[in-house]
Amino acid sequence: MERCPVCRARLREKSELCRRCSSDISLLYEIEEQAGNLMAAAVRAWAAGELKTAVNLARRSLDLKDDAEARVMFRFLCKRLKPVTIQRDV
């Protein structure tokens, strides 16, 4: 998080309070950390061949923090989850 969601002041360090408006932003840092942990778990699940689990974990991560990197990973996993069509001999 680069800016306070209340007053939009630049955040210089990971502190519990915004230096400008004194809003408590510690919970937001915890949520960002949880989102990162979920995305890391999604990558591990994908590497282990557990695609459905990976997609679910990535979705949960996006629910907490929607950013470009997470969206790319989620789309990547979803494209691999689509069922493969089987062509029949005619």
N, C-alpha and C. Protein backbone atom coordinates (compact mmCIF):
# COMPACT_ATOMS: atom_id res chain seq x y z
N MET A 1 0.86 -1.16 0.00
CA MET A 1 0.00 0.00 0.00
C MET A 1 0.91 1.23 0.00
N GLU A 2 0.69 2.09 -0.95
CA GLU A 2 1.53 3.28 -1.10
C GLU A 2 0.90 4.53 -0.51
N ARG A 3 -0.44 4.53 -0.42
CA ARG A 3 -1.14 5.72 0.06
C ARG A 3 -2.19 5.34 1.09
N CYS A 4 -2.45 6.27 1.98
CA CYS A 4 -3.51 6.09 2.97
C CYS A 4 -4.85 6.08 2.24
N PRO A 5 -5.69 5.10 2.50
CA PRO A 5 -6.98 5.05 1.80
C PRO A 5 -7.96 6.13 2.27
N VAL A 6 -7.66 6.79 3.37
CA VAL A 6 -8.54 7.84 3.89
C VAL A 6 -8.19 9.20 3.32
N CYS A 7 -6.91 9.61 3.47
CA CYS A 7 -6.51 10.96 3.05
C CYS A 7 -5.58 10.98 1.84
N ARG A 8 -5.17 9.81 1.35
CA ARG A 8 -4.30 9.64 0.19
C ARG A 8 -2.87 10.14 0.40
N ALA A 9 -2.47 10.33 1.65
CA ALA A 9 -1.09 10.72 1.93
C ALA A 9 -0.16 9.57 1.58
N ARG A 10 1.04 9.90 1.11
CA ARG A 10 2.04 8.86 0.82
C ARG A 10 2.48 8.23 2.14
N LEU A 11 2.56 6.90 2.12
CA LEU A 11 3.02 6.18 3.31
C LEU A 11 4.50 5.90 3.15
N ARG A 12 5.30 6.34 4.07
CA ARG A 12 6.75 6.18 3.97
C ARG A 12 7.23 4.87 4.55
N GLU A 13 6.56 4.39 5.55
CA GLU A 13 6.98 3.15 6.20
C GLU A 13 5.75 2.38 6.64
N LYS A 14 5.96 1.17 7.04
CA LYS A 14 4.85 0.33 7.45
C LYS A 14 4.52 0.62 8.91
N SER A 15 3.73 1.67 9.14
CA SER A 15 3.34 2.02 10.49
C SER A 15 1.85 1.76 10.67
N GLU A 16 1.42 1.74 11.90
CA GLU A 16 0.02 1.44 12.19
C GLU A 16 -0.90 2.63 11.93
N LEU A 17 -0.35 3.84 11.97
CA LEU A 17 -1.17 5.03 11.80
C LEU A 17 -0.65 5.88 10.65
N CYS A 18 -1.58 6.49 9.93
CA CYS A 18 -1.21 7.45 8.89
C CYS A 18 -0.61 8.68 9.55
N ARG A 19 0.48 9.17 9.00
CA ARG A 19 1.15 10.33 9.59
C ARG A 19 0.33 11.61 9.44
N ARG A 20 -0.53 11.66 8.41
CA ARG A 20 -1.31 12.88 8.19
C ARG A 20 -2.64 12.88 8.94
N CYS A 21 -3.45 11.81 8.76
CA CYS A 21 -4.80 11.83 9.34
C CYS A 21 -4.95 10.93 10.57
N SER A 22 -3.90 10.20 10.91
CA SER A 22 -3.88 9.31 12.08
C SER A 22 -4.85 8.13 11.99
N SER A 23 -5.26 7.79 10.77
CA SER A 23 -6.13 6.62 10.60
C SER A 23 -5.34 5.35 10.91
N ASP A 24 -6.00 4.41 11.56
CA ASP A 24 -5.37 3.12 11.85
C ASP A 24 -5.40 2.29 10.58
N ILE A 25 -4.22 2.01 10.02
CA ILE A 25 -4.13 1.25 8.78
C ILE A 25 -3.46 -0.11 8.98
N SER A 26 -3.30 -0.51 10.23
CA SER A 26 -2.62 -1.78 10.51
C SER A 26 -3.39 -2.97 9.95
N LEU A 27 -4.70 -2.94 10.02
CA LEU A 27 -5.51 -4.04 9.49
C LEU A 27 -5.33 -4.18 7.98
N LEU A 28 -5.17 -3.05 7.31
CA LEU A 28 -4.98 -3.10 5.86
C LEU A 28 -3.67 -3.79 5.50
N TYR A 29 -2.64 -3.56 6.29
CA TYR A 29 -1.37 -4.26 6.06
C TYR A 29 -1.53 -5.77 6.28
N GLU A 30 -2.30 -6.14 7.29
CA GLU A 30 -2.55 -7.56 7.54
C GLU A 30 -3.31 -8.20 6.38
N ILE A 31 -4.27 -7.48 5.84
CA ILE A 31 -5.04 -8.00 4.70
C ILE A 31 -4.14 -8.16 3.49
N GLU A 32 -3.26 -7.20 3.23
CA GLU A 32 -2.33 -7.32 2.11
C GLU A 32 -1.42 -8.54 2.30
N GLU A 33 -0.99 -8.77 3.52
CA GLU A 33 -0.13 -9.93 3.80
C GLU A 33 -0.89 -11.24 3.57
N GLN A 34 -2.15 -11.28 4.01
CA GLN A 34 -2.97 -12.48 3.78
C GLN A 34 -3.16 -12.73 2.29
N ALA A 35 -3.40 -11.67 1.53
CA ALA A 35 -3.56 -11.81 0.08
C ALA A 35 -2.30 -12.38 -0.55
N GLY A 36 -1.15 -11.90 -0.13
CA GLY A 36 0.11 -12.41 -0.63
C GLY A 36 0.34 -13.87 -0.27
N ASN A 37 -0.02 -14.22 0.95
CA ASN A 37 0.11 -15.62 1.39
C ASN A 37 -0.80 -16.54 0.59
N LEU A 38 -2.03 -16.08 0.32
CA LEU A 38 -2.96 -16.89 -0.47
C LEU A 38 -2.46 -17.08 -1.90
N MET A 39 -1.89 -16.02 -2.48
CA MET A 39 -1.38 -16.14 -3.85
C MET A 39 -0.18 -17.08 -3.88
N ALA A 40 0.67 -17.01 -2.87
CA ALA A 40 1.81 -17.93 -2.80
C ALA A 40 1.33 -19.37 -2.66
N ALA A 41 0.27 -19.57 -1.89
CA ALA A 41 -0.30 -20.91 -1.75
C ALA A 41 -0.91 -21.37 -3.07
N ALA A 42 -1.49 -20.45 -3.82
CA ALA A 42 -2.06 -20.79 -5.14
C ALA A 42 -0.96 -21.26 -6.08
N VAL A 43 0.16 -20.60 -6.06
CA VAL A 43 1.28 -20.99 -6.91
C VAL A 43 1.79 -22.38 -6.51
N ARG A 44 1.89 -22.62 -5.21
CA ARG A 44 2.34 -23.94 -4.74
C ARG A 44 1.35 -25.03 -5.14
N ALA A 45 0.06 -24.73 -5.04
CA ALA A 45 -0.96 -25.71 -5.42
C ALA A 45 -0.87 -26.00 -6.92
N TRP A 46 -0.68 -24.97 -7.72
CA TRP A 46 -0.54 -25.17 -9.17
C TRP A 46 0.68 -26.03 -9.46
N ALA A 47 1.79 -25.75 -8.79
CA ALA A 47 3.01 -26.54 -9.01
C ALA A 47 2.82 -27.99 -8.61
N ALA A 48 1.94 -28.23 -7.65
CA ALA A 48 1.67 -29.59 -7.19
C ALA A 48 0.60 -30.28 -8.03
N GLY A 49 0.08 -29.58 -9.05
CA GLY A 49 -0.92 -30.18 -9.93
C GLY A 49 -2.34 -30.08 -9.41
N GLU A 50 -2.57 -29.26 -8.40
CA GLU A 50 -3.90 -29.10 -7.81
C GLU A 50 -4.52 -27.81 -8.36
N LEU A 51 -4.97 -27.89 -9.60
CA LEU A 51 -5.41 -26.70 -10.32
C LEU A 51 -6.66 -26.05 -9.72
N LYS A 52 -7.65 -26.85 -9.35
CA LYS A 52 -8.88 -26.28 -8.76
C LYS A 52 -8.57 -25.56 -7.46
N THR A 53 -7.73 -26.16 -6.65
CA THR A 53 -7.34 -25.53 -5.39
C THR A 53 -6.59 -24.24 -5.67
N ALA A 54 -5.71 -24.24 -6.66
CA ALA A 54 -4.95 -23.05 -7.02
C ALA A 54 -5.88 -21.92 -7.45
N VAL A 55 -6.89 -22.23 -8.26
CA VAL A 55 -7.84 -21.22 -8.71
C VAL A 55 -8.61 -20.65 -7.53
N ASN A 56 -9.06 -21.51 -6.63
CA ASN A 56 -9.80 -21.05 -5.46
C ASN A 56 -8.95 -20.15 -4.57
N LEU A 57 -7.70 -20.52 -4.36
CA LEU A 57 -6.81 -19.70 -3.54
C LEU A 57 -6.53 -18.35 -4.21
N ALA A 58 -6.33 -18.37 -5.52
CA ALA A 58 -6.08 -17.12 -6.25
C ALA A 58 -7.30 -16.21 -6.18
N ARG A 59 -8.49 -16.79 -6.29
CA ARG A 59 -9.72 -15.99 -6.19
C ARG A 59 -9.84 -15.36 -4.81
N ARG A 60 -9.54 -16.11 -3.77
CA ARG A 60 -9.59 -15.58 -2.40
C ARG A 60 -8.58 -14.44 -2.24
N SER A 61 -7.41 -14.60 -2.85
CA SER A 61 -6.40 -13.54 -2.79
C SER A 61 -6.91 -12.28 -3.47
N LEU A 62 -7.53 -12.44 -4.64
CA LEU A 62 -8.09 -11.29 -5.36
C LEU A 62 -9.22 -10.62 -4.58
N ASP A 63 -9.97 -11.40 -3.84
CA ASP A 63 -11.04 -10.83 -3.03
C ASP A 63 -10.48 -9.89 -1.97
N LEU A 64 -9.29 -10.20 -1.48
CA LEU A 64 -8.67 -9.36 -0.46
C LEU A 64 -7.93 -8.17 -1.05
N LYS A 65 -7.21 -8.41 -2.15
CA LYS A 65 -6.44 -7.33 -2.77
C LYS A 65 -6.43 -7.53 -4.28
N ASP A 66 -7.11 -6.66 -4.96
CA ASP A 66 -7.20 -6.74 -6.42
C ASP A 66 -6.07 -5.91 -7.03
N ASP A 67 -5.06 -6.60 -7.52
CA ASP A 67 -3.98 -5.89 -8.20
C ASP A 67 -3.65 -6.60 -9.51
N ALA A 68 -2.87 -5.95 -10.35
CA ALA A 68 -2.59 -6.46 -11.69
C ALA A 68 -1.93 -7.83 -11.67
N GLU A 69 -0.96 -8.01 -10.81
CA GLU A 69 -0.23 -9.28 -10.75
C GLU A 69 -1.17 -10.43 -10.36
N ALA A 70 -2.03 -10.19 -9.39
CA ALA A 70 -2.97 -11.23 -8.96
C ALA A 70 -3.98 -11.55 -10.06
N ARG A 71 -4.44 -10.53 -10.79
CA ARG A 71 -5.39 -10.77 -11.89
C ARG A 71 -4.76 -11.61 -12.98
N VAL A 72 -3.49 -11.32 -13.30
CA VAL A 72 -2.79 -12.10 -14.33
C VAL A 72 -2.68 -13.56 -13.91
N MET A 73 -2.30 -13.79 -12.67
CA MET A 73 -2.15 -15.17 -12.17
C MET A 73 -3.50 -15.89 -12.17
N PHE A 74 -4.55 -15.19 -11.74
CA PHE A 74 -5.88 -15.80 -11.72
C PHE A 74 -6.33 -16.18 -13.13
N ARG A 75 -6.16 -15.28 -14.09
CA ARG A 75 -6.54 -15.60 -15.47
C ARG A 75 -5.73 -16.76 -16.03
N PHE A 76 -4.44 -16.77 -15.73
CA PHE A 76 -3.57 -17.85 -16.16
C PHE A 76 -4.09 -19.20 -15.64
N LEU A 77 -4.42 -19.24 -14.37
CA LEU A 77 -4.92 -20.50 -13.78
C LEU A 77 -6.28 -20.88 -14.36
N CYS A 78 -7.16 -19.91 -14.53
CA CYS A 78 -8.49 -20.21 -15.07
C CYS A 78 -8.42 -20.76 -16.49
N LYS A 79 -7.51 -20.23 -17.30
CA LYS A 79 -7.38 -20.73 -18.66
C LYS A 79 -6.94 -22.19 -18.68
N ARG A 80 -6.15 -22.59 -17.71
CA ARG A 80 -5.70 -23.98 -17.63
C ARG A 80 -6.77 -24.90 -17.07
N LEU A 81 -7.74 -24.32 -16.38
CA LEU A 81 -8.80 -25.11 -15.77
C LEU A 81 -9.91 -25.49 -16.76
N LYS A 82 -10.04 -24.72 -17.84
CA LYS A 82 -11.08 -25.01 -18.81
C LYS A 82 -10.94 -26.43 -19.33
N PRO A 83 -12.06 -27.13 -19.44
CA PRO A 83 -11.99 -28.52 -19.91
C PRO A 83 -11.49 -28.62 -21.34
N VAL A 84 -10.70 -29.61 -21.57
CA VAL A 84 -10.17 -29.87 -22.90
C VAL A 84 -11.24 -30.55 -23.72
N THR A 85 -11.50 -30.05 -24.91
CA THR A 85 -12.50 -30.68 -25.76
C THR A 85 -11.89 -31.89 -26.47
N ILE A 86 -12.64 -32.93 -26.52
CA ILE A 86 -12.17 -34.16 -27.14
C ILE A 86 -12.79 -34.25 -28.53
N GLN A 87 -11.96 -34.37 -29.53
CA GLN A 87 -12.46 -34.49 -30.89
C GLN A 87 -12.78 -35.96 -31.15
N ARG A 88 -13.92 -36.17 -31.76
CA ARG A 88 -14.36 -37.53 -32.09
C ARG A 88 -14.03 -37.83 -33.53
N ASP A 89 -13.65 -39.05 -33.76
CA ASP A 89 -13.40 -39.49 -35.14
C ASP A 89 -14.75 -39.61 -35.85
N VAL A 90 -14.83 -39.03 -37.03
CA VAL A 90 -16.07 -39.05 -37.80
C VAL A 90 -15.93 -39.97 -38.96
